[in-house]
PDB file of N, CA and C in Angstrom:
ATOM      1  N   UNK A   1      75.524  40.081   0.511  1.00  0.00           N
ATOM      2  CA  UNK A   1      74.373  40.777   0.289  1.00  0.00           C
ATOM      3  C   UNK A   1      73.273  40.362   1.471  1.00  0.00           C
ATOM      4  N   UNK A   2      72.711  41.529   1.829  1.00  0.00           N
ATOM      5  CA  UNK A   2      71.720  41.266   3.090  1.00  0.00           C
ATOM      6  C   UNK A   2      70.385  41.771   2.271  1.00  0.00           C
ATOM      7  N   UNK A   3      69.161  41.200   2.913  1.00  0.00           N
ATOM      8  CA  UNK A   3      67.991  41.513   2.576  1.00  0.00           C
ATOM      9  C   UNK A   3      67.432  42.469   3.412  1.00  0.00           C
ATOM     10  N   UNK A   4      66.848  43.553   2.921  1.00  0.00           N
ATOM     11  CA  UNK A   4      66.261  44.465   3.689  1.00  0.00           C
ATOM     12  C   UNK A   4      64.717  44.637   3.496  1.00  0.00           C
ATOM     13  N   UNK A   5      63.823  44.353   4.615  1.00  0.00           N
ATOM     14  CA  UNK A   5      62.423  44.357   4.240  1.00  0.00           C
ATOM     15  C   UNK A   5      61.766  45.412   4.164  1.00  0.00           C
ATOM     16  N   UNK A   6      60.934  45.757   3.386  1.00  0.00           N
ATOM     17  CA  UNK A   6      59.980  46.999   3.252  1.00  0.00           C
ATOM     18  C   UNK A   6      58.845  47.046   4.048  1.00  0.00           C
ATOM     19  N   UNK A   7      58.510  48.242   4.316  1.00  0.00           N
ATOM     20  CA  UNK A   7      57.040  48.355   5.045  1.00  0.00           C
ATOM     21  C   UNK A   7      56.909  47.602   6.090  1.00  0.00           C
ATOM     22  N   UNK A   8      56.067  46.753   6.382  1.00  0.00           N
ATOM     23  CA  UNK A   8      55.659  46.136   7.693  1.00  0.00           C
ATOM     24  C   UNK A   8      55.975  44.660   7.344  1.00  0.00           C
ATOM     25  N   UNK A   9      57.079  44.413   6.738  1.00  0.00           N
ATOM     26  CA  UNK A   9      57.642  43.147   6.766  1.00  0.00           C
ATOM     27  C   UNK A   9      58.757  42.635   7.435  1.00  0.00           C
ATOM     28  N   UNK A  10      59.266  41.387   7.859  1.00  0.00           N
ATOM     29  CA  UNK A  10      60.085  40.835   8.545  1.00  0.00           C
ATOM     30  C   UNK A  10      60.805  39.903   7.432  1.00  0.00           C
ATOM     31  N   UNK A  11      62.095  39.680   7.993  1.00  0.00           N
ATOM     32  CA  UNK A  11      63.059  38.405   7.245  1.00  0.00           C
ATOM     33  C   UNK A  11      63.297  37.557   8.394  1.00  0.00           C
ATOM     34  N   UNK A  12      62.996  36.437   8.257  1.00  0.00           N
ATOM     35  CA  UNK A  12      63.245  35.360   9.304  1.00  0.00           C
ATOM     36  C   UNK A  12      63.818  34.007   8.659  1.00  0.00           C
ATOM     37  N   UNK A  13      64.564  33.160   9.670  1.00  0.00           N
ATOM     38  CA  UNK A  13      65.026  31.834   9.183  1.00  0.00           C
ATOM     39  C   UNK A  13      64.185  31.018  10.071  1.00  0.00           C
ATOM     40  N   UNK A  14      63.782  29.850   9.461  1.00  0.00           N
ATOM     41  CA  UNK A  14      62.983  28.900  10.083  1.00  0.00           C
ATOM     42  C   UNK A  14      63.766  28.210  11.105  1.00  0.00           C
ATOM     43  N   UNK A  15      63.296  28.013  12.225  1.00  0.00           N
ATOM     44  CA  UNK A  15      63.954  27.137  13.323  1.00  0.00           C
ATOM     45  C   UNK A  15      63.960  25.819  12.859  1.00  0.00           C
ATOM     46  N   UNK A  16      65.032  24.956  13.430  1.00  0.00           N
ATOM     47  CA  UNK A  16      65.023  23.537  12.936  1.00  0.00           C
ATOM     48  C   UNK A  16      64.026  22.841  13.620  1.00  0.00           C
ATOM     49  N   UNK A  17      63.668  21.996  12.895  1.00  0.00           N
ATOM     50  CA  UNK A  17      62.504  20.751  13.474  1.00  0.00           C
ATOM     51  C   UNK A  17      63.116  20.333  14.847  1.00  0.00           C
ATOM     52  N   UNK A  18      62.135  20.273  15.761  1.00  0.00           N
ATOM     53  CA  UNK A  18      62.554  19.375  16.806  1.00  0.00           C
ATOM     54  C   UNK A  18      62.318  17.910  16.657  1.00  0.00           C
ATOM     55  N   UNK A  19      63.435  16.938  16.974  1.00  0.00           N
ATOM     56  CA  UNK A  19      63.211  15.830  16.599  1.00  0.00           C
ATOM     57  C   UNK A  19      63.417  15.036  17.857  1.00  0.00           C
ATOM     58  N   UNK A  20      63.502  15.483  19.129  1.00  0.00           N
ATOM     59  CA  UNK A  20      63.500  14.931  20.472  1.00  0.00           C
ATOM     60  C   UNK A  20      63.027  15.900  21.576  1.00  0.00           C
ATOM     61  N   UNK A  21      62.588  15.027  22.485  1.00  0.00           N
ATOM     62  CA  UNK A  21      62.160  15.955  23.443  1.00  0.00           C
ATOM     63  C   UNK A  21      63.188  16.354  24.653  1.00  0.00           C
ATOM     64  N   UNK A  22      63.212  17.281  25.434  1.00  0.00           N
ATOM     65  CA  UNK A  22      64.248  17.491  26.616  1.00  0.00           C
ATOM     66  C   UNK A  22      64.765  16.437  27.304  1.00  0.00           C
ATOM     67  N   UNK A  23      63.631  15.253  27.698  1.00  0.00           N
ATOM     68  CA  UNK A  23      64.231  14.191  28.302  1.00  0.00           C
ATOM     69  C   UNK A  23      64.763  13.095  27.452  1.00  0.00           C
ATOM     70  N   UNK A  24      65.148  13.458  26.104  1.00  0.00           N
ATOM     71  CA  UNK A  24      65.588  12.516  25.099  1.00  0.00           C
ATOM     72  C   UNK A  24      64.698  11.649  24.293  1.00  0.00           C
ATOM     73  N   UNK A  25      63.540  11.713  24.674  1.00  0.00           N
ATOM     74  CA  UNK A  25      62.490  10.853  23.511  1.00  0.00           C
ATOM     75  C   UNK A  25      62.654  11.184  22.370  1.00  0.00           C
ATOM     76  N   UNK A  26      62.826  10.446  21.229  1.00  0.00           N
ATOM     77  CA  UNK A  26      62.809  10.633  19.965  1.00  0.00           C
ATOM     78  C   UNK A  26      61.384  10.791  19.284  1.00  0.00           C
ATOM     79  N   UNK A  27      61.145  11.979  18.590  1.00  0.00           N
ATOM     80  CA  UNK A  27      59.906  12.216  18.097  1.00  0.00           C
ATOM     81  C   UNK A  27      59.802  11.550  16.531  1.00  0.00           C
ATOM     82  N   UNK A  28      58.602  10.977  16.300  1.00  0.00           N
ATOM     83  CA  UNK A  28      58.697  10.079  14.939  1.00  0.00           C
ATOM     84  C   UNK A  28      58.400  10.965  13.783  1.00  0.00           C
ATOM     85  N   UNK A  29      57.443  12.385  13.943  1.00  0.00           N
ATOM     86  CA  UNK A  29      57.335  13.107  12.872  1.00  0.00           C
ATOM     87  C   UNK A  29      57.932  14.403  13.051  1.00  0.00           C
ATOM     88  N   UNK A  30      59.368  14.219  12.808  1.00  0.00           N
ATOM     89  CA  UNK A  30      60.281  15.567  12.802  1.00  0.00           C
ATOM     90  C   UNK A  30      60.179  16.027  11.681  1.00  0.00           C
ATOM     91  N   UNK A  31      59.613  15.557  10.570  1.00  0.00           N
ATOM     92  CA  UNK A  31      59.718  16.436   9.541  1.00  0.00           C
ATOM     93  C   UNK A  31      58.467  17.036   9.278  1.00  0.00           C
ATOM     94  N   UNK A  32      57.457  16.989   9.924  1.00  0.00           N
ATOM     95  CA  UNK A  32      56.413  17.920   9.935  1.00  0.00           C
ATOM     96  C   UNK A  32      56.885  19.513   9.730  1.00  0.00           C
ATOM     97  N   UNK A  33      56.058  20.158   9.178  1.00  0.00           N
ATOM     98  CA  UNK A  33      56.174  21.447   8.949  1.00  0.00           C
ATOM     99  C   UNK A  33      56.269  22.257  10.412  1.00  0.00           C
ATOM    100  N   UNK A  34      57.214  23.026  10.487  1.00  0.00           N
ATOM    101  CA  UNK A  34      57.276  24.094  11.813  1.00  0.00           C
ATOM    102  C   UNK A  34      56.912  25.346  11.277  1.00  0.00           C
ATOM    103  N   UNK A  35      56.081  25.810  12.241  1.00  0.00           N
ATOM    104  CA  UNK A  35      55.705  27.494  11.847  1.00  0.00           C
ATOM    105  C   UNK A  35      56.431  28.561  12.880  1.00  0.00           C
ATOM    106  N   UNK A  36      57.703  28.031  13.327  1.00  0.00           N
ATOM    107  CA  UNK A  36      58.414  28.912  14.095  1.00  0.00           C
ATOM    108  C   UNK A  36      59.520  29.344  13.280  1.00  0.00           C
ATOM    109  N   UNK A  37      60.111  30.384  13.870  1.00  0.00           N
ATOM    110  CA  UNK A  37      61.339  31.348  12.918  1.00  0.00           C
ATOM    111  C   UNK A  37      61.889  32.228  13.958  1.00  0.00           C
ATOM    112  N   UNK A  38      63.146  32.702  13.503  1.00  0.00           N
ATOM    113  CA  UNK A  38      63.868  33.726  14.136  1.00  0.00           C
ATOM    114  C   UNK A  38      64.011  35.098  13.294  1.00  0.00           C
ATOM    115  N   UNK A  39      63.610  36.199  13.894  1.00  0.00           N
ATOM    116  CA  UNK A  39      63.508  37.280  12.940  1.00  0.00           C
ATOM    117  C   UNK A  39      65.080  37.562  12.732  1.00  0.00           C
ATOM    118  N   UNK A  40      65.434  38.023  11.592  1.00  0.00           N
ATOM    119  CA  UNK A  40      66.830  38.792  11.415  1.00  0.00           C
ATOM    120  C   UNK A  40      66.853  40.018  10.782  1.00  0.00           C
ATOM    121  N   UNK A  41      65.577  40.471  10.315  1.00  0.00           N
ATOM    122  CA  UNK A  41      65.620  41.730   9.911  1.00  0.00           C
ATOM    123  C   UNK A  41      64.289  42.422   9.801  1.00  0.00           C
ATOM    124  N   UNK A  42      64.036  43.793  10.389  1.00  0.00           N
ATOM    125  CA  UNK A  42      62.417  44.139  10.228  1.00  0.00           C
ATOM    126  C   UNK A  42      62.645  45.292   9.420  1.00  0.00           C
ATOM    127  N   UNK A  43      61.412  45.539   8.914  1.00  0.00           N
ATOM    128  CA  UNK A  43      60.970  46.635   7.978  1.00  0.00           C
ATOM    129  C   UNK A  43      60.752  47.985   8.805  1.00  0.00           C
ATOM    130  N   UNK A  44      60.747  49.187   8.223  1.00  0.00           N
ATOM    131  CA  UNK A  44      60.879  50.310   8.856  1.00  0.00           C
ATOM    132  C   UNK A  44      59.253  50.651   9.684  1.00  0.00           C
ATOM    133  N   UNK A  45      58.244  50.121   9.215  1.00  0.00           N
ATOM    134  CA  UNK A  45      56.887  50.084   9.817  1.00  0.00           C
ATOM    135  C   UNK A  45      56.542  48.998  11.002  1.00  0.00           C
ATOM    136  N   UNK A  46      57.468  48.263  10.914  1.00  0.00           N
ATOM    137  CA  UNK A  46      57.253  46.980  11.979  1.00  0.00           C
ATOM    138  C   UNK A  46      57.372  47.816  13.335  1.00  0.00           C
ATOM    139  N   UNK A  47      56.333  47.435  14.365  1.00  0.00           N
ATOM    140  CA  UNK A  47      56.186  48.153  15.565  1.00  0.00           C
ATOM    141  C   UNK A  47      56.400  47.230  16.946  1.00  0.00           C
ATOM    142  N   UNK A  48      56.053  45.890  16.471  1.00  0.00           N
ATOM    143  CA  UNK A  48      56.155  44.863  17.787  1.00  0.00           C
ATOM    144  C   UNK A  48      57.071  43.854  17.516  1.00  0.00           C
ATOM    145  N   UNK A  49      58.102  43.745  16.816  1.00  0.00           N
ATOM    146  CA  UNK A  49      58.935  42.732  16.733  1.00  0.00           C
ATOM    147  C   UNK A  49      60.436  43.488  16.594  1.00  0.00           C
ATOM    148  N   UNK A  50      61.279  42.849  16.837  1.00  0.00           N
ATOM    149  CA  UNK A  50      62.884  43.191  16.916  1.00  0.00           C
ATOM    150  C   UNK A  50      63.822  41.927  16.403  1.00  0.00           C
ATOM    151  N   UNK A  51      64.851  42.188  15.791  1.00  0.00           N
ATOM    152  CA  UNK A  51      65.964  40.941  15.659  1.00  0.00           C
ATOM    153  C   UNK A  51      65.861  39.986  16.642  1.00  0.00           C
ATOM    154  N   UNK A  52      66.264  38.988  16.383  1.00  0.00           N
ATOM    155  CA  UNK A  52      66.280  37.665  17.133  1.00  0.00           C
ATOM    156  C   UNK A  52      65.059  37.272  18.224  1.00  0.00           C
ATOM    157  N   UNK A  53      63.918  37.870  17.714  1.00  0.00           N
ATOM    158  CA  UNK A  53      62.842  37.398  18.277  1.00  0.00           C
ATOM    159  C   UNK A  53      62.320  36.049  17.628  1.00  0.00           C
ATOM    160  N   UNK A  54      62.004  35.153  18.548  1.00  0.00           N
ATOM    161  CA  UNK A  54      61.486  33.754  18.017  1.00  0.00           C
ATOM    162  C   UNK A  54      59.981  33.814  17.952  1.00  0.00           C
ATOM    163  N   UNK A  55      59.444  33.635  16.803  1.00  0.00           N
ATOM    164  CA  UNK A  55      57.997  34.085  16.336  1.00  0.00           C
ATOM    165  C   UNK A  55      57.162  32.689  15.737  1.00  0.00           C
ATOM    166  N   UNK A  56      56.106  32.815  15.949  1.00  0.00           N
ATOM    167  CA  UNK A  56      55.047  31.775  15.334  1.00  0.00           C
ATOM    168  C   UNK A  56      54.352  32.347  14.417  1.00  0.00           C
ATOM    169  N   UNK A  57      54.230  32.054  13.086  1.00  0.00           N
ATOM    170  CA  UNK A  57      53.584  32.743  11.951  1.00  0.00           C
ATOM    171  C   UNK A  57      52.666  31.932  11.558  1.00  0.00           C
ATOM    172  N   UNK A  58      51.626  32.565  10.883  1.00  0.00           N
ATOM    173  CA  UNK A  58      50.401  31.623  10.297  1.00  0.00           C
ATOM    174  C   UNK A  58      50.876  30.853   8.866  1.00  0.00           C
ATOM    175  N   UNK A  59      50.256  29.595   8.795  1.00  0.00           N
ATOM    176  CA  UNK A  59      50.456  28.961   7.772  1.00  0.00           C
ATOM    177  C   UNK A  59      50.388  29.479   6.400  1.00  0.00           C
ATOM    178  N   UNK A  60      51.404  29.099   5.499  1.00  0.00           N
ATOM    179  CA  UNK A  60      51.048  29.517   4.015  1.00  0.00           C
ATOM    180  C   UNK A  60      51.190  30.875   3.886  1.00  0.00           C
ATOM    181  N   UNK A  61      51.529  32.108   5.039  1.00  0.00           N
ATOM    182  CA  UNK A  61      51.594  33.430   4.969  1.00  0.00           C
ATOM    183  C   UNK A  61      53.130  33.717   4.388  1.00  0.00           C
ATOM    184  N   UNK A  62      54.044  32.878   4.492  1.00  0.00           N
ATOM    185  CA  UNK A  62      55.616  33.390   4.214  1.00  0.00           C
ATOM    186  C   UNK A  62      55.805  33.074   2.866  1.00  0.00           C
ATOM    187  N   UNK A  63      56.581  34.041   2.519  1.00  0.00           N
ATOM    188  CA  UNK A  63      57.341  33.742   1.166  1.00  0.00           C
ATOM    189  C   UNK A  63      58.636  33.341   1.252  1.00  0.00           C
ATOM    190  N   UNK A  64      59.076  32.103   0.988  1.00  0.00           N
ATOM    191  CA  UNK A  64      60.374  31.675   1.030  1.00  0.00           C
ATOM    192  C   UNK A  64      61.387  31.926  -0.358  1.00  0.00           C
ATOM    193  N   UNK A  65      62.345  32.401   0.213  1.00  0.00           N
ATOM    194  CA  UNK A  65      63.573  32.609  -0.774  1.00  0.00           C
ATOM    195  C   UNK A  65      64.911  32.153  -0.354  1.00  0.00           C
ATOM    196  N   UNK A  66      65.786  31.787  -1.267  1.00  0.00           N
ATOM    197  CA  UNK A  66      67.102  31.455  -0.790  1.00  0.00           C
ATOM    198  C   UNK A  66      67.983  32.470  -1.452  1.00  0.00           C
ATOM    199  N   UNK A  67      68.972  32.990  -0.600  1.00  0.00           N
ATOM    200  CA  UNK A  67      69.874  33.918  -0.946  1.00  0.00           C
ATOM    201  C   UNK A  67      71.232  33.351  -0.117  1.00  0.00           C
ATOM    202  N   UNK A  68      72.177  33.512  -0.980  1.00  0.00           N
ATOM    203  CA  UNK A  68      73.691  32.941  -0.748  1.00  0.00           C
ATOM    204  C   UNK A  68      73.562  31.661   0.119  1.00  0.00           C
ATOM    205  N   UNK A  69      72.777  30.522  -0.295  1.00  0.00           N
ATOM    206  CA  UNK A  69      73.014  29.296   0.314  1.00  0.00           C
ATOM    207  C   UNK A  69      72.028  29.335   1.787  1.00  0.00           C
ATOM    208  N   UNK A  70      71.272  30.382   2.085  1.00  0.00           N
ATOM    209  CA  UNK A  70      70.449  30.482   3.330  1.00  0.00           C
ATOM    210  C   UNK A  70      69.067  30.465   2.728  1.00  0.00           C
ATOM    211  N   UNK A  71      68.085  29.668   3.479  1.00  0.00           N
ATOM    212  CA  UNK A  71      66.780  29.921   3.252  1.00  0.00           C
ATOM    213  C   UNK A  71      66.205  30.810   4.212  1.00  0.00           C
ATOM    214  N   UNK A  72      65.474  31.903   3.480  1.00  0.00           N
ATOM    215  CA  UNK A  72      64.880  33.069   4.465  1.00  0.00           C
ATOM    216  C   UNK A  72      63.188  32.884   4.161  1.00  0.00           C
ATOM    217  N   UNK A  73      62.386  33.379   5.251  1.00  0.00           N
ATOM    218  CA  UNK A  73      61.090  33.869   4.870  1.00  0.00           C
ATOM    219  C   UNK A  73      60.706  35.344   5.153  1.00  0.00           C
ATOM    220  N   UNK A  74      60.057  35.746   4.243  1.00  0.00           N
ATOM    221  CA  UNK A  74      59.645  37.166   4.182  1.00  0.00           C
ATOM    222  C   UNK A  74      58.160  37.171   4.605  1.00  0.00           C
ATOM    223  N   UNK A  75      57.626  37.567   5.746  1.00  0.00           N
ATOM    224  CA  UNK A  75      56.508  37.653   6.466  1.00  0.00           C
ATOM    225  C   UNK A  75      55.932  39.013   6.745  1.00  0.00           C
ATOM    226  N   UNK A  76      54.555  39.287   6.487  1.00  0.00           N
ATOM    227  CA  UNK A  76      54.198  40.450   6.989  1.00  0.00           C
ATOM    228  C   UNK A  76      53.915  40.427   8.478  1.00  0.00           C
ATOM    229  N   UNK A  77      53.967  41.630   9.297  1.00  0.00           N
ATOM    230  CA  UNK A  77      53.897  41.759  10.801  1.00  0.00           C
ATOM    231  C   UNK A  77      52.530  41.039  11.038  1.00  0.00           C
ATOM    232  N   UNK A  78      51.377  41.195  10.415  1.00  0.00           N
ATOM    233  CA  UNK A  78      50.137  40.862  10.759  1.00  0.00           C
ATOM    234  C   UNK A  78      50.010  39.467  10.657  1.00  0.00           C
ATOM    235  N   UNK A  79      51.006  38.635  10.112  1.00  0.00           N
ATOM    236  CA  UNK A  79      50.834  37.158  10.042  1.00  0.00           C
ATOM    237  C   UNK A  79      51.381  36.509  11.017  1.00  0.00           C
ATOM    238  N   UNK A  80      52.306  37.271  12.079  1.00  0.00           N
ATOM    239  CA  UNK A  80      52.792  36.828  13.087  1.00  0.00           C
ATOM    240  C   UNK A  80      51.770  36.594  14.191  1.00  0.00           C
ATOM    241  N   UNK A  81      51.776  35.450  15.000  1.00  0.00           N
ATOM    242  CA  UNK A  81      50.778  35.062  15.853  1.00  0.00           C
ATOM    243  C   UNK A  81      51.071  35.315  17.172  1.00  0.00           C
ATOM    244  N   UNK A  82      52.489  34.939  17.526  1.00  0.00           N
ATOM    245  CA  UNK A  82      52.978  35.109  18.943  1.00  0.00           C
ATOM    246  C   UNK A  82      54.478  35.244  18.726  1.00  0.00           C
ATOM    247  N   UNK A  83      55.156  35.869  19.990  1.00  0.00           N
ATOM    248  CA  UNK A  83      56.577  35.875  20.083  1.00  0.00           C
ATOM    249  C   UNK A  83      56.725  34.938  21.330  1.00  0.00           C
ATOM    250  N   UNK A  84      57.772  33.906  20.930  1.00  0.00           N
ATOM    251  CA  UNK A  84      57.957  32.887  22.108  1.00  0.00           C
ATOM    252  C   UNK A  84      59.234  33.470  22.944  1.00  0.00           C
ATOM    253  N   UNK A  85      58.874  33.226  24.384  1.00  0.00           N
ATOM    254  CA  UNK A  85      60.253  33.729  25.108  1.00  0.00           C
ATOM    255  C   UNK A  85      60.774  32.436  25.413  1.00  0.00           C
ATOM    256  N   UNK A  86      62.389  32.820  25.313  1.00  0.00           N
ATOM    257  CA  UNK A  86      63.123  31.827  25.446  1.00  0.00           C
ATOM    258  C   UNK A  86      64.463  32.039  26.395  1.00  0.00           C
TER     259      UNK A  86
END
């Protein structure tokens, strides 16, 4: 079963928390909340995002759901603050 967002909503999965830097230094607060995610589906009214975009979204703006053992976020397009170039 897939999730199909409506209107200007997107479905995304959270990025894994970063636990060490590129040079190998371990970070102590790896459990802190990360506001980055990967877009897996977009609604028909979404204009500036597409699948596989890495995004930064606003605190407390996402609806978290679990479907088939996977955690998803449903976010309004206006709550996306930036797209990360990777």
